[in-house]
Each structure stands twice: as C-alpha cells, then as structure tokens.
Amino acid sequence: METRVELNKNINLSEKNELNFTRELQNDIVLPDYCDDINRIIRVDAKPIIKNKYANKDIARINGIIAVTVIYISEPYKQLRSFSFANDFDYSCDIPGIMPHHKMSTQIEIGELNCRLLNPRKMTIRIESGILIRTNENKPMYEYESTNFFNNSNPDEHDGILIEKLKHNFESCDMLVGESEVKINENINITDGPAANEVIYADINISVEEIKPLYNKAVVKFNSDVKLLYNSIEDKNEYIKISTKIPSTQIVEIDELDEKYDCVCKINLASLKTDIDIDQYGENKIINIDFITQIELMAFKNNEYEVVVDAYSPKYEDSIQNETVKIQRYKGIYKDKQFIEDSIVLEDASIEEVMDSVGMVVINNSVINESVITINNSAELSIMVKSGDGDIQNLDCSIPIKTDINTGEKIINGNVDINGFITNIEANIESGKLNVKITVCYECVVFENESKNIVRAIIVDTGITKSIKKDAQMIIYYPNKNENLWNIAKKYDSQVSKIMKFNKCESQNITDKKIIIIPK
C-alpha cells in the first residue's frame, strides 16, 4: 500500500507576486460654466489617486481617480486661470496565486499626458499610466515549522513509517505592508506681497525625513513643501509665488512589525483644496490649504527558515516528489542624492522671468554590476516663464541623468526597486539661457535571488520491503574523501543518528575517519 507523506507543507517560497502593466484613459472635457474660455493651454498636470485596492482569487483590483489640473490663458481677458477635474479608473488584472487575505502594495505613475484644445470650451485629453502591483501574505515566521537542524538528518515517524529527512536552514525576505491617511490643514499668511484675488496653482512635494519601526507600528516623519501661485487683488495680471514647509508625523499600524525591520514608504497626495480668508486687517492675506496624504509603508527583514531537501524510508521502497522554489533575500536599502545643473539656450529672447517650475524623475532602466547599481533616468521639467510684455508660456525640458550607487558589497543575482524624486528645483534666466539646478534623491531596495530544490512529498510503498541481507547486522565501510554521513546512510538504508552513535561522531564531518561501522 502506498502512503503519501507531505513534507515542507507550510513552506511557500515562490517569488513575490508582482505585475507591471499600462493603461490608457482618453476623454473629452467641457469647461464648467464658471470658467472663462480658453485662449491657450499653458500646462496640464495629472496626479493618480488610489481609493481602493483589494484581491480576489487570482485577481487584483484597484480603483481611484486621476486628478487633472489645466492652467491656461483665458479669453478675452488674457489672464492666467486654472480648473480641475477627475477621471475615474477601475483596473483589474490576473495575478495567479493571489488570495483575498494577501496584502497589496501598488504604485501608479503617469507615463504620457497629451492635451489638445478642440474649441475654446472643449479639449481632449489622453493619459497613459504605468501600474505596479506587489502582493504578500504578511505571514510571520512562527507560522512555519522549524526545529533548527542545519545540514543534519531528522528522522520522523508517520503512521509507523520511519522517514529519514535532511534539512537545511536558509534566509528569506519577509515583507510587511501598512497604510495610513493624514489630513493636513494649514493657514498660510501672506507677509510679503499684495493680497490674493485667486489661487491659480498649488503644488505639494512630499519628502520622508525618518521612519522608526516599533512594535506593531512605525513612526513616519515627513515634510510637505507647498508652492502657491496667486494673482493680486489689485492687479489681476500680477502673479505672486509663495512657498512654505509643513512638518508632520504619523503612526502607521502594522502587525508583526518590530525594530529589526528596515522600512521605506511612499506618500502620495490624495486630495487638495485651497481658499482665501480675510486677515485681521480685512485683507485677503490668508490662504488656507487643506490636503490628504496617503502613506504606504513597506518593511523588510530576512527570517531564517528550514526546509527538507532530501528524504528516504530506510525500510520500504519510496519515491520523492521534488520542487524548485525561488527564494528572495533582502539585501538592503541604499540611498543617494545628486545635484544636477544644466543650461538651455532660449529661442525666444523676450523671455525674462521664471514664474514656476515642477518636475519628476523617470527611471528608464537599471543595471547591477557586482556592487554598483547604475540607473539610467531623466529629470522631466515643466517651467512656466514670462516675457517682458507679459506673455506667459511653458517650457518642457528633459535632462538625462546617469546615477551610480555603490552598495559596498557584491550583489549576487540581484534585482532592485528604485524610487527617484526631485526635492528642489531652482531656475532662472540669464543672457538668453534657462539655467536649472535640481536636487534628485534615489532610494533603492535591493534583493538577491536563488533557487532551491525542496521535497514536497515522499511516497512510501509499505508493501515492498527494501531488500537487505538478513544475516548482515552491520557493514564495515571505508569512506572516500568529501563523503558525508547522509549520503552513506541513504546508500545503505541506515540512519544518520545510528551511524553517529556507533562511531562516536560529534558531527557529520567524517574526514578523520578511515573506517566506520554502518548499523542496519
């Protein structure tokens, strides 16, 4: 009778589920009645905002909105105006193996954005976005079986069947995911400049200052750099830019987190509202900004696990079902900062002033060469400028960047997750050139990968006894160089523990033994 004995039944070491894909949205937009006609579009910005994400069996689903802001020159007043709208999205994709209890980490980036004016009240917009989805069980280490055997046999008995097992220890990455939202409301006083008539444009750049993992929670400190562009109540063609920094702290709850984990987090803007209030002197000198940020935190730590890599039955005929699994080991988080300067010759010599500048980092590809991560990327900048006669236009420029990050030690069969972002942009016009200085920060999470053969099950046929010489109670054996007790015991259907006991071996290292006794 054949008996199936499951081994490594609690071990699930397949690669983390990960999927990259792109989606396109195209829509015709009609201006609201309260907006002036469009004479010329200056800039279009789009920010993806994830509202919900969840998993079903073999399917992941995310939905939310892409918030779009259009800055334009109005008709007939030739003033700088803006309006905002939202495009809903609901994406689903197949990820084999994903289950409802899995945690999901998601990232959406705008890859391409095209806007075309159809008439003064209507435009068509096309947005291409890239989506990255990762899933993980958030399964703590103690849910796995482990008895701390290293390169040693562990005999076990199942329903009266003795099974000899060889176990190895290894390290594998555990990833935990946590989420939180922060609502921030701040009054910004206009201390230098005229009172505000209308807020034309608001932008927030969020940077993480510190992440401190604690027991079942992490403390995240971050700064929100706010930029506002408004026009004067006295002269609606006068535009003033103000900026401020808002520090914040938030606690993110994550089960099983402790101080040994390394953490990274991404903070995205989920909503943004501005309005103008009157100060104590009766002037429009208070701008209220109200926004919500979404924090997604990921924590990494290598835990030690134990798997059965070989097995046999000393008494009965058996067969083994093997499986190759892929193991991902966490290597570390590596950060770098680059200062980039560039100059661009302007075709229009009448441009005199930079009004505003925004930008983003686009990662094209990365290569790992031993201990160096080479990142080919670019800074995509959008710079609003003004000529001497008051004409406003937007300049788009792309600055290619090659970044080398040294990890300090060799990476073996590695892969890297890269997050690049601009923390500061300085731009000015001098002698017919646009000069830009940008600060770019990089955060790289590095993993090493390997494949390991494990035993999923052993099939023992209790109806067929292994043929042995009944009169042989023990065997005198002359071990060869580099032989170990496991291979000898398996060859002669004996047990490692018995061989070690008979030969007074302290370990499986038998290099000093010229003769050993193999008991039956």
Protein backbone atom coordinates (compact mmCIF):
# COMPACT_ATOMS: atom_id res chain seq x y z
CA MET A 1 0.00 0.00 0.00
CA GLU A 2 1.36 3.42 -0.95
CA THR A 3 1.37 6.16 1.69
CA ARG A 4 1.98 9.80 0.80
CA VAL A 5 3.80 11.83 3.45
CA GLU A 6 3.72 15.62 2.95
CA LEU A 7 6.95 17.49 3.68
CA ASN A 8 7.52 21.26 3.69
CA LYS A 9 3.75 21.61 3.71
CA ASN A 10 3.90 25.06 5.35
CA ILE A 11 6.67 26.39 3.14
CA ASN A 12 5.58 28.75 0.37
CA LEU A 13 8.64 30.37 -1.12
CA SER A 14 7.50 31.22 -4.61
CA GLU A 15 8.54 34.62 -5.92
CA LYS A 16 6.56 37.55 -4.58
CA ASN A 17 3.63 38.17 -6.90
CA GLU A 18 4.47 41.25 -8.96
CA LEU A 19 2.91 42.69 -12.07
CA ASN A 20 3.69 45.70 -14.27
CA PHE A 21 1.18 46.91 -16.81
CA THR A 22 -0.03 50.09 -18.52
CA ARG A 23 -3.47 51.55 -19.03
CA GLU A 24 -4.73 54.44 -21.13
CA LEU A 25 -7.54 56.90 -20.42
CA GLN A 26 -8.97 59.17 -23.11
CA ASN A 27 -11.72 61.68 -22.53
CA ASP A 28 -13.27 64.84 -23.94
CA ILE A 29 -13.61 67.60 -21.33
CA VAL A 30 -16.04 70.51 -21.48
CA LEU A 31 -15.26 73.57 -19.34
CA PRO A 32 -17.62 74.31 -16.44
CA ASP A 33 -19.84 77.38 -16.88
CA TYR A 34 -17.93 79.38 -14.26
CA CYS A 35 -14.66 79.14 -16.25
CA ASP A 36 -13.58 81.63 -18.87
CA ASP A 37 -12.98 80.44 -22.40
CA ILE A 38 -9.55 79.02 -23.18
CA ASN A 39 -7.29 81.06 -25.40
CA ARG A 40 -4.16 78.91 -24.92
CA ILE A 41 -3.25 75.97 -22.66
CA ILE A 42 -0.10 76.59 -20.63
CA ARG A 43 0.32 73.40 -18.56
CA VAL A 44 -1.54 70.21 -17.72
CA ASP A 45 -0.70 68.24 -14.55
CA ALA A 46 -2.11 64.84 -13.61
CA LYS A 47 -1.90 63.02 -10.27
CA PRO A 48 -3.16 59.45 -9.78
CA ILE A 49 -5.02 58.83 -6.50
CA ILE A 50 -5.79 55.27 -5.40
CA LYS A 51 -9.04 54.96 -3.45
CA ASN A 52 -9.40 51.19 -3.01
CA LYS A 53 -7.35 48.07 -3.67
CA TYR A 54 -8.24 44.51 -2.92
CA ALA A 55 -7.60 40.96 -4.05
CA ASN A 56 -9.84 38.10 -5.02
CA LYS A 57 -8.71 34.63 -6.03
CA ASP A 58 -6.12 35.12 -8.82
CA ILE A 59 -7.35 38.68 -9.47
CA ALA A 60 -6.14 42.06 -8.16
CA ARG A 61 -8.25 45.19 -8.47
CA ILE A 62 -7.54 48.87 -7.87
CA ASN A 63 -9.71 51.92 -8.42
CA GLY A 64 -9.48 55.64 -7.87
CA ILE A 65 -9.19 58.88 -9.81
CA ILE A 66 -6.63 60.76 -11.86
CA ALA A 67 -6.86 64.40 -10.74
CA VAL A 68 -6.05 66.76 -13.63
CA THR A 69 -5.29 70.49 -13.37
CA VAL A 70 -5.27 72.65 -16.51
CA ILE A 71 -3.54 76.04 -16.39
CA TYR A 72 -4.48 78.27 -19.31
CA ILE A 73 -4.67 81.82 -20.66
CA SER A 74 -8.29 82.99 -20.64
CA GLU A 75 -10.25 84.61 -23.42
CA PRO A 76 -10.90 87.55 -23.75
CA TYR A 77 -9.04 88.85 -20.65
CA LYS A 78 -5.70 87.11 -21.35
CA GLN A 79 -5.36 86.19 -17.67
CA LEU A 80 -3.78 83.09 -16.16
CA ARG A 81 -6.55 80.79 -14.96
CA SER A 82 -6.96 77.13 -13.97
CA PHE A 83 -9.59 74.50 -13.47
CA SER A 84 -9.52 70.89 -12.24
CA PHE A 85 -11.42 67.71 -12.98
CA ALA A 86 -11.09 64.00 -12.22
CA ASN A 87 -11.09 60.89 -14.39
CA ASP A 88 -12.24 57.71 -12.64
CA PHE A 89 -10.36 54.47 -13.19
CA ASP A 90 -11.06 50.87 -12.20
CA TYR A 91 -8.41 48.34 -13.19
CA SER A 92 -8.35 44.59 -12.66
CA CYS A 93 -5.62 42.17 -13.64
CA ASP A 94 -4.82 38.48 -13.31
CA ILE A 95 -2.17 37.52 -10.74
CA PRO A 96 -2.06 33.73 -10.31
CA GLY A 97 -1.89 32.73 -6.66
CA ILE A 98 -3.20 35.94 -5.14
CA MET A 99 -5.87 35.44 -2.46
CA PRO A 100 -8.22 37.78 -0.56
CA HIS A 101 -6.06 37.73 2.59
CA HIS A 102 -2.95 38.94 0.72
CA LYS A 103 -1.63 42.44 1.29
CA MET A 104 -1.22 44.61 -1.81
CA SER A 105 1.35 47.31 -2.50
CA THR A 106 0.51 49.49 -5.50
CA GLN A 107 2.18 52.27 -7.40
CA ILE A 108 0.84 54.34 -10.31
CA GLU A 109 2.94 56.75 -12.38
CA ILE A 110 1.84 58.96 -15.26
CA GLY A 111 3.84 57.91 -18.28
CA GLU A 112 2.43 60.12 -21.02
CA LEU A 113 -0.01 63.04 -20.96
CA ASN A 114 -1.41 64.71 -24.08
CA CYS A 115 -3.97 67.51 -24.15
CA ARG A 116 -5.40 69.13 -27.29
CA LEU A 117 -7.77 72.08 -27.46
CA LEU A 118 -10.79 71.38 -29.70
CA ASN A 119 -12.52 74.73 -29.20
CA PRO A 120 -12.48 77.44 -26.51
CA ARG A 121 -14.84 75.35 -24.33
CA LYS A 122 -13.68 71.81 -25.06
CA MET A 123 -10.48 69.77 -25.01
CA THR A 124 -9.50 66.14 -25.39
CA ILE A 125 -7.02 64.54 -23.02
CA ARG A 126 -5.15 61.23 -23.16
CA ILE A 127 -3.36 59.82 -20.13
CA GLU A 128 -1.15 56.74 -20.13
CA SER A 129 -0.28 55.38 -16.71
CA GLY A 130 2.08 52.64 -15.56
CA ILE A 131 0.92 50.44 -12.68
CA LEU A 132 2.99 48.22 -10.40
CA ILE A 133 1.25 45.75 -8.07
CA ARG A 134 3.01 43.63 -5.44
CA THR A 135 1.33 41.14 -3.15
CA ASN A 136 2.45 39.48 0.05
CA GLU A 137 0.81 37.33 2.73
CA ASN A 138 2.23 39.29 5.71
CA LYS A 139 2.89 35.83 7.16
CA PRO A 140 5.02 35.89 10.33
CA MET A 141 7.88 33.47 10.85
CA TYR A 142 6.33 31.44 13.64
CA GLU A 143 3.69 30.06 11.29
CA TYR A 144 6.39 27.95 9.66
CA GLU A 145 7.64 24.71 11.12
CA SER A 146 11.23 24.94 12.27
CA THR A 147 13.36 22.76 14.51
CA ASN A 148 16.72 24.41 13.86
CA PHE A 149 18.52 21.48 12.25
CA PHE A 150 21.34 22.53 9.97
CA ASN A 151 22.67 20.12 7.33
CA ASN A 152 21.55 17.25 9.51
CA SER A 153 19.09 14.41 9.30
CA ASN A 154 15.92 14.44 11.31
CA PRO A 155 14.21 11.03 11.46
CA ASP A 156 10.48 11.14 11.80
CA GLU A 157 7.72 8.55 12.00
CA HIS A 158 4.44 8.88 10.14
CA ASP A 159 1.79 6.17 10.72
CA GLY A 160 4.51 3.71 11.74
CA ILE A 161 6.71 4.57 8.71
CA LEU A 162 10.19 5.73 9.60
CA ILE A 163 11.40 8.55 7.34
CA GLU A 164 14.91 9.98 7.34
CA LYS A 165 14.93 13.71 6.46
CA LEU A 166 17.76 16.09 5.56
CA LYS A 167 17.05 19.70 6.47
CA HIS A 168 18.83 22.91 5.55
CA ASN A 169 18.43 26.38 7.02
CA PHE A 170 18.25 29.45 4.81
CA GLU A 171 17.21 33.11 4.92
CA SER A 172 14.26 34.56 3.04
CA CYS A 173 12.74 38.04 2.98
CA ASP A 174 9.54 38.79 4.85
CA MET A 175 7.71 41.89 3.61
CA LEU A 176 5.05 43.65 5.67
CA VAL A 177 2.73 46.32 4.27
CA GLY A 178 0.91 49.04 6.18
CA GLU A 179 -1.22 52.03 5.16
CA SER A 180 -2.46 55.25 6.70
CA GLU A 181 -4.00 58.59 5.75
CA VAL A 182 -3.10 62.02 7.08
CA LYS A 183 -5.35 65.06 6.81
CA ILE A 184 -3.47 68.38 6.97
CA ASN A 185 -4.97 71.84 7.23
CA GLU A 186 -2.75 74.91 7.30
CA ASN A 187 -3.22 78.68 7.10
CA ILE A 188 -0.50 80.42 5.10
CA ASN A 189 -0.17 84.11 5.83
CA ILE A 190 0.91 86.44 3.04
CA THR A 191 3.53 88.54 4.81
CA ASP A 192 5.33 89.98 1.81
CA GLY A 193 3.23 90.87 -1.19
CA PRO A 194 -0.25 92.04 -2.18
CA ALA A 195 -3.49 90.42 -1.03
CA ALA A 196 -4.75 87.44 -3.04
CA ASN A 197 -7.55 87.52 -5.57
CA GLU A 198 -7.45 83.88 -6.75
CA VAL A 199 -5.18 80.89 -6.23
CA ILE A 200 -4.07 79.91 -9.72
CA TYR A 201 -1.95 76.91 -8.90
CA ALA A 202 -0.97 74.82 -5.86
CA ASP A 203 1.64 72.07 -5.76
CA ILE A 204 2.85 69.88 -2.88
CA ASN A 205 6.09 67.92 -2.86
CA ILE A 206 6.29 65.38 0.00
CA SER A 207 9.58 64.01 1.30
CA VAL A 208 10.13 61.43 4.04
CA GLU A 209 12.53 62.52 6.77
CA GLU A 210 12.59 59.49 9.08
CA ILE A 211 10.90 56.13 9.61
CA LYS A 212 11.22 54.49 13.01
CA PRO A 213 9.87 50.92 13.33
CA LEU A 214 8.49 49.96 16.73
CA TYR A 215 6.39 47.07 18.00
CA ASN A 216 3.37 46.69 15.66
CA LYS A 217 3.71 50.26 14.39
CA ALA A 218 6.05 52.67 12.63
CA VAL A 219 6.51 56.40 13.23
CA VAL A 220 6.84 58.33 9.95
CA LYS A 221 8.13 61.90 9.90
CA PHE A 222 7.74 63.82 6.65
CA ASN A 223 7.70 67.33 5.19
CA SER A 224 5.19 68.79 2.76
CA ASP A 225 6.76 71.54 0.62
CA VAL A 226 3.85 73.71 -0.54
CA LYS A 227 4.04 76.09 -3.51
CA LEU A 228 1.24 78.50 -4.34
CA LEU A 229 0.78 80.83 -7.29
CA TYR A 230 -1.89 83.51 -6.98
CA ASN A 231 -2.83 86.77 -8.66
CA SER A 232 -3.06 90.12 -6.91
CA ILE A 233 -6.38 91.61 -5.87
CA GLU A 234 -5.08 94.99 -7.03
CA ASP A 235 -3.77 93.86 -10.45
CA LYS A 236 -5.09 90.55 -11.74
CA ASN A 237 -2.19 90.32 -14.18
CA GLU A 238 0.31 90.37 -11.32
CA TYR A 239 1.25 86.85 -10.20
CA ILE A 240 2.96 86.04 -6.91
CA LYS A 241 4.54 82.78 -5.80
CA ILE A 242 4.83 81.82 -2.15
CA SER A 243 6.11 78.63 -0.53
CA THR A 244 6.18 77.04 2.90
CA LYS A 245 7.18 73.77 4.56
CA ILE A 246 4.75 71.81 6.76
CA PRO A 247 6.31 69.12 9.01
CA SER A 248 4.12 66.17 10.00
CA THR A 249 4.31 62.93 11.98
CA GLN A 250 2.08 59.89 11.54
CA ILE A 251 1.89 56.44 13.14
CA VAL A 252 1.27 53.52 10.76
CA GLU A 253 -0.08 50.34 12.34
CA ILE A 254 1.50 47.08 11.03
CA ASP A 255 1.01 43.71 12.71
CA GLU A 256 4.23 41.78 13.43
CA LEU A 257 6.49 44.79 12.87
CA ASP A 258 9.48 45.20 15.18
CA GLU A 259 12.70 47.21 15.40
CA LYS A 260 14.63 44.70 13.28
CA TYR A 261 12.75 45.60 10.09
CA ASP A 262 14.02 48.15 7.56
CA CYS A 263 11.28 50.41 6.26
CA VAL A 264 10.55 52.51 3.19
CA CYS A 265 7.39 54.41 2.43
CA LYS A 266 5.76 56.33 -0.36
CA ILE A 267 3.49 59.26 0.38
CA ASN A 268 1.07 60.43 -2.29
CA LEU A 269 -1.32 63.33 -2.41
CA ALA A 270 -4.94 62.15 -2.22
CA SER A 271 -6.82 65.49 -2.27
CA LEU A 272 -6.05 69.21 -2.32
CA LYS A 273 -8.23 72.26 -1.71
CA THR A 274 -7.36 75.93 -1.33
CA ASP A 275 -9.37 79.01 -0.40
CA ILE A 276 -8.67 82.60 0.60
CA ASP A 277 -9.55 84.08 4.02
CA ILE A 278 -9.53 87.62 5.36
CA ASP A 279 -6.90 88.54 7.94
CA GLN A 280 -7.38 90.78 10.99
CA TYR A 281 -6.94 93.90 8.86
CA GLY A 282 -9.71 92.93 6.46
CA GLU A 283 -7.41 91.95 3.61
CA ASN A 284 -7.28 88.70 1.63
CA LYS A 285 -3.94 87.72 3.12
CA ILE A 286 -4.65 84.21 4.42
CA ILE A 287 -4.56 81.23 2.07
CA ASN A 288 -5.96 78.07 3.59
CA ILE A 289 -4.64 74.80 2.19
CA ASP A 290 -6.38 71.52 3.01
CA PHE A 291 -4.97 68.23 1.74
CA ILE A 292 -4.88 64.50 2.46
CA THR A 293 -1.83 62.29 2.04
CA GLN A 294 -1.79 58.52 1.61
CA ILE A 295 1.08 56.67 3.29
CA GLU A 296 2.05 53.22 2.08
CA LEU A 297 4.82 51.67 4.16
CA MET A 298 6.79 48.51 3.36
CA ALA A 299 9.04 46.75 5.87
CA PHE A 300 11.72 44.16 5.04
CA LYS A 301 13.58 41.64 7.16
CA ASN A 302 15.27 38.32 6.50
CA ASN A 303 13.99 35.48 8.65
CA GLU A 304 15.55 32.06 8.99
CA TYR A 305 13.56 29.10 7.74
CA GLU A 306 14.18 25.39 7.48
CA VAL A 307 13.26 23.09 4.60
CA VAL A 308 13.57 19.40 3.85
CA VAL A 309 15.92 18.98 0.88
CA ASP A 310 16.13 15.19 0.82
CA ALA A 311 14.35 12.20 2.39
CA TYR A 312 14.07 8.43 2.23
CA SER A 313 12.48 5.49 4.01
CA PRO A 314 15.09 3.06 5.46
CA LYS A 315 12.71 0.08 5.44
CA TYR A 316 10.39 0.44 2.43
CA GLU A 317 10.67 1.36 -1.21
CA ASP A 318 9.98 5.04 -1.78
CA SER A 319 9.87 7.78 -4.37
CA ILE A 320 10.29 11.53 -3.88
CA GLN A 321 8.35 14.46 -5.33
CA ASN A 322 10.73 17.43 -5.65
CA GLU A 323 10.01 21.07 -6.41
CA THR A 324 12.23 24.03 -7.26
CA VAL A 325 11.28 27.21 -5.40
CA LYS A 326 12.63 30.71 -5.82
CA ILE A 327 13.90 32.46 -2.70
CA GLN A 328 14.25 36.21 -2.38
CA ARG A 329 16.67 37.51 0.23
CA TYR A 330 16.59 41.14 1.34
CA LYS A 331 19.95 42.85 0.79
CA GLY A 332 19.41 46.40 1.99
CA ILE A 333 18.15 49.92 1.31
CA TYR A 334 20.62 52.23 -0.42
CA LYS A 335 20.11 55.98 -0.83
CA ASP A 336 21.85 58.65 -2.85
CA LYS A 337 21.47 62.33 -3.71
CA GLN A 338 22.57 64.08 -6.90
CA PHE A 339 22.87 67.76 -7.76
CA ILE A 340 22.30 68.42 -11.45
CA GLU A 341 22.92 71.67 -13.33
CA ASP A 342 22.01 72.39 -16.93
CA SER A 343 21.55 75.34 -19.28
CA ILE A 344 19.25 75.62 -22.26
CA VAL A 345 19.53 78.33 -24.91
CA LEU A 346 16.15 80.04 -25.35
CA GLU A 347 14.81 80.61 -28.85
CA ASP A 348 12.60 83.46 -27.62
CA ALA A 349 14.89 86.28 -26.46
CA SER A 350 11.97 88.19 -24.90
CA ILE A 351 11.59 85.67 -22.02
CA GLU A 352 12.76 87.36 -18.84
CA GLU A 353 11.27 85.64 -15.79
CA VAL A 354 10.68 82.16 -14.37
CA MET A 355 7.29 82.02 -12.65
CA ASP A 356 7.15 78.40 -11.53
CA SER A 357 8.89 75.06 -12.06
CA VAL A 358 7.86 71.48 -11.37
CA GLY A 359 9.40 68.16 -12.33
CA MET A 360 9.57 64.43 -11.89
CA VAL A 361 12.15 61.64 -12.23
CA VAL A 362 11.61 58.96 -14.88
CA ILE A 363 13.54 55.70 -14.36
CA ASN A 364 14.35 54.20 -17.75
CA ASN A 365 16.34 51.13 -16.65
CA SER A 366 18.89 49.92 -14.12
CA VAL A 367 21.85 47.53 -14.21
CA ILE A 368 23.58 45.81 -11.29
CA ASN A 369 27.28 45.18 -11.81
CA GLU A 370 28.73 43.50 -8.72
CA SER A 371 28.47 46.23 -6.04
CA VAL A 372 27.32 49.12 -8.26
CA ILE A 373 23.74 49.95 -9.26
CA THR A 374 23.69 52.03 -12.45
CA ILE A 375 20.44 53.93 -13.01
CA ASN A 376 19.64 55.46 -16.39
CA ASN A 377 17.00 58.10 -15.76
CA SER A 378 15.94 61.62 -16.60
CA ALA A 379 14.52 64.70 -14.92
CA GLU A 380 11.40 65.83 -16.79
CA LEU A 381 10.85 69.52 -16.04
CA SER A 382 7.95 71.84 -16.76
CA ILE A 383 8.88 75.52 -16.33
CA MET A 384 6.43 78.41 -16.57
CA VAL A 385 8.06 81.59 -17.89
CA LYS A 386 7.02 85.17 -18.62
CA SER A 387 8.26 87.56 -21.30
CA GLY A 388 8.82 91.28 -20.95
CA ASP A 389 5.44 92.10 -22.49
CA GLY A 390 3.61 89.82 -20.05
CA ASP A 391 3.19 86.81 -22.35
CA ILE A 392 3.17 83.54 -20.38
CA GLN A 393 4.26 80.19 -21.78
CA ASN A 394 5.54 76.84 -20.61
CA LEU A 395 8.89 75.26 -21.40
CA ASP A 396 9.31 71.49 -21.21
CA CYS A 397 12.81 70.11 -20.93
CA SER A 398 14.33 66.71 -20.30
CA ILE A 399 17.70 66.30 -18.56
CA PRO A 400 19.27 62.82 -18.94
CA ILE A 401 20.95 61.50 -15.78
CA LYS A 402 23.20 58.54 -15.16
CA THR A 403 23.49 57.58 -11.50
CA ASP A 404 25.86 55.08 -9.89
CA ILE A 405 25.08 53.88 -6.38
CA ASN A 406 27.71 51.80 -4.59
CA THR A 407 26.29 49.20 -2.20
CA GLY A 408 29.69 48.40 -0.67
CA GLU A 409 29.41 44.66 -1.26
CA LYS A 410 28.77 42.37 -4.19
CA ILE A 411 25.17 41.65 -5.17
CA ILE A 412 24.58 38.11 -6.38
CA ASN A 413 21.74 37.55 -8.85
CA GLY A 414 20.02 40.69 -7.60
CA ASN A 415 17.14 42.91 -8.54
CA VAL A 416 16.31 46.39 -7.33
CA ASP A 417 13.22 48.53 -6.74
CA ILE A 418 14.05 52.20 -7.38
CA ASN A 419 12.20 55.31 -6.29
CA GLY A 420 13.54 58.61 -7.64
CA PHE A 421 12.16 62.04 -6.81
CA ILE A 422 13.08 65.72 -7.11
CA THR A 423 13.34 67.58 -3.82
CA ASN A 424 14.30 71.02 -5.14
CA ILE A 425 14.32 72.96 -8.41
CA GLU A 426 15.97 76.34 -8.92
CA ALA A 427 15.53 78.03 -12.28
CA ASN A 428 16.48 81.45 -13.64
CA ILE A 429 17.02 83.19 -16.95
CA GLU A 430 20.31 84.89 -17.71
CA SER A 431 21.85 86.04 -21.01
CA GLY A 432 19.23 84.26 -23.09
CA LYS A 433 19.67 80.95 -21.28
CA LEU A 434 17.44 78.99 -18.94
CA ASN A 435 19.62 77.76 -16.06
CA VAL A 436 18.31 75.00 -13.83
CA LYS A 437 19.66 73.39 -10.68
CA ILE A 438 17.86 70.32 -9.37
CA THR A 439 18.32 68.01 -6.42
CA VAL A 440 17.40 64.39 -7.13
CA CYS A 441 17.13 61.72 -4.44
CA TYR A 442 17.13 57.95 -5.00
CA GLU A 443 16.01 55.10 -2.78
CA CYS A 444 16.91 51.57 -3.87
CA VAL A 445 15.61 48.40 -2.21
CA VAL A 446 17.88 45.52 -3.26
CA PHE A 447 17.10 41.79 -3.20
CA GLU A 448 19.16 38.71 -4.03
CA ASN A 449 17.54 35.67 -5.61
CA GLU A 450 18.34 31.97 -5.65
CA SER A 451 16.59 28.71 -6.46
CA LYS A 452 16.40 25.81 -4.02
CA ASN A 453 15.26 22.23 -4.53
CA ILE A 454 12.92 21.03 -1.79
CA VAL A 455 10.91 17.88 -1.13
CA ARG A 456 7.15 18.32 -1.31
CA ALA A 457 6.26 14.68 -0.53
CA ILE A 458 7.65 11.18 -0.20
CA ILE A 459 5.61 8.22 -1.44
CA VAL A 460 6.31 5.11 0.66
CA ASP A 461 5.15 1.67 -0.50
CA THR A 462 4.71 -0.36 2.70
CA GLY A 463 4.00 -3.43 0.62
CA ILE A 464 7.57 -3.61 -0.68
CA THR A 465 10.32 -4.04 1.87
CA LYS A 466 13.78 -2.96 0.80
CA SER A 467 15.96 -5.96 0.00
CA ILE A 468 18.73 -6.37 2.60
CA LYS A 469 20.90 -9.27 3.64
CA LYS A 470 19.14 -10.62 6.69
CA ASP A 471 22.31 -12.01 8.12
CA ALA A 472 24.14 -8.68 7.89
CA GLN A 473 23.73 -6.69 11.09
CA MET A 474 26.36 -4.10 10.23
CA ILE A 475 28.70 -3.09 7.42
CA ILE A 476 32.36 -2.08 7.63
CA TYR A 477 32.78 0.94 5.35
CA TYR A 478 35.85 2.82 4.11
CA PRO A 479 34.65 6.40 3.41
CA ASN A 480 36.02 8.34 0.45
CA LYS A 481 37.22 11.90 0.66
CA ASN A 482 34.43 14.51 0.96
CA GLU A 483 31.75 11.89 1.71
CA ASN A 484 29.19 12.72 4.39
CA LEU A 485 27.08 10.55 6.64
CA TRP A 486 23.81 11.45 4.96
CA ASN A 487 24.83 10.02 1.58
CA ILE A 488 26.32 6.91 3.22
CA ALA A 489 23.22 6.32 5.34
CA LYS A 490 20.90 6.75 2.36
CA LYS A 491 23.03 4.41 0.22
CA TYR A 492 22.81 1.60 2.79
CA ASP A 493 19.26 2.37 4.10
CA SER A 494 20.58 3.18 7.55
CA GLN A 495 20.08 6.16 9.84
CA VAL A 496 22.50 9.03 10.36
CA SER A 497 21.88 9.12 14.11
CA LYS A 498 22.74 5.41 14.47
CA ILE A 499 25.95 5.78 12.44
CA MET A 500 26.99 8.77 14.56
CA LYS A 501 26.29 6.84 17.77
CA PHE A 502 28.17 3.67 16.74
CA ASN A 503 31.19 5.61 15.51
CA LYS A 504 31.17 8.27 18.27
CA CYS A 505 30.91 11.08 15.72
CA GLU A 506 30.17 14.56 17.03
CA SER A 507 29.03 15.74 13.62
CA GLN A 508 28.58 14.53 10.07
CA ASN A 509 32.15 15.51 9.33
CA ILE A 510 33.97 12.18 8.91
CA THR A 511 37.17 13.35 7.23
CA ASP A 512 39.20 11.96 10.13
CA LYS A 513 37.53 8.53 9.96
CA LYS A 514 39.28 5.85 7.92
CA ILE A 515 36.78 3.10 8.83
CA ILE A 516 33.19 3.42 10.02
CA ILE A 517 30.52 0.93 11.06
CA ILE A 518 27.13 1.16 9.36
CA PRO A 519 24.43 -0.47 11.54
CA LYS A 520 21.37 -1.99 9.88
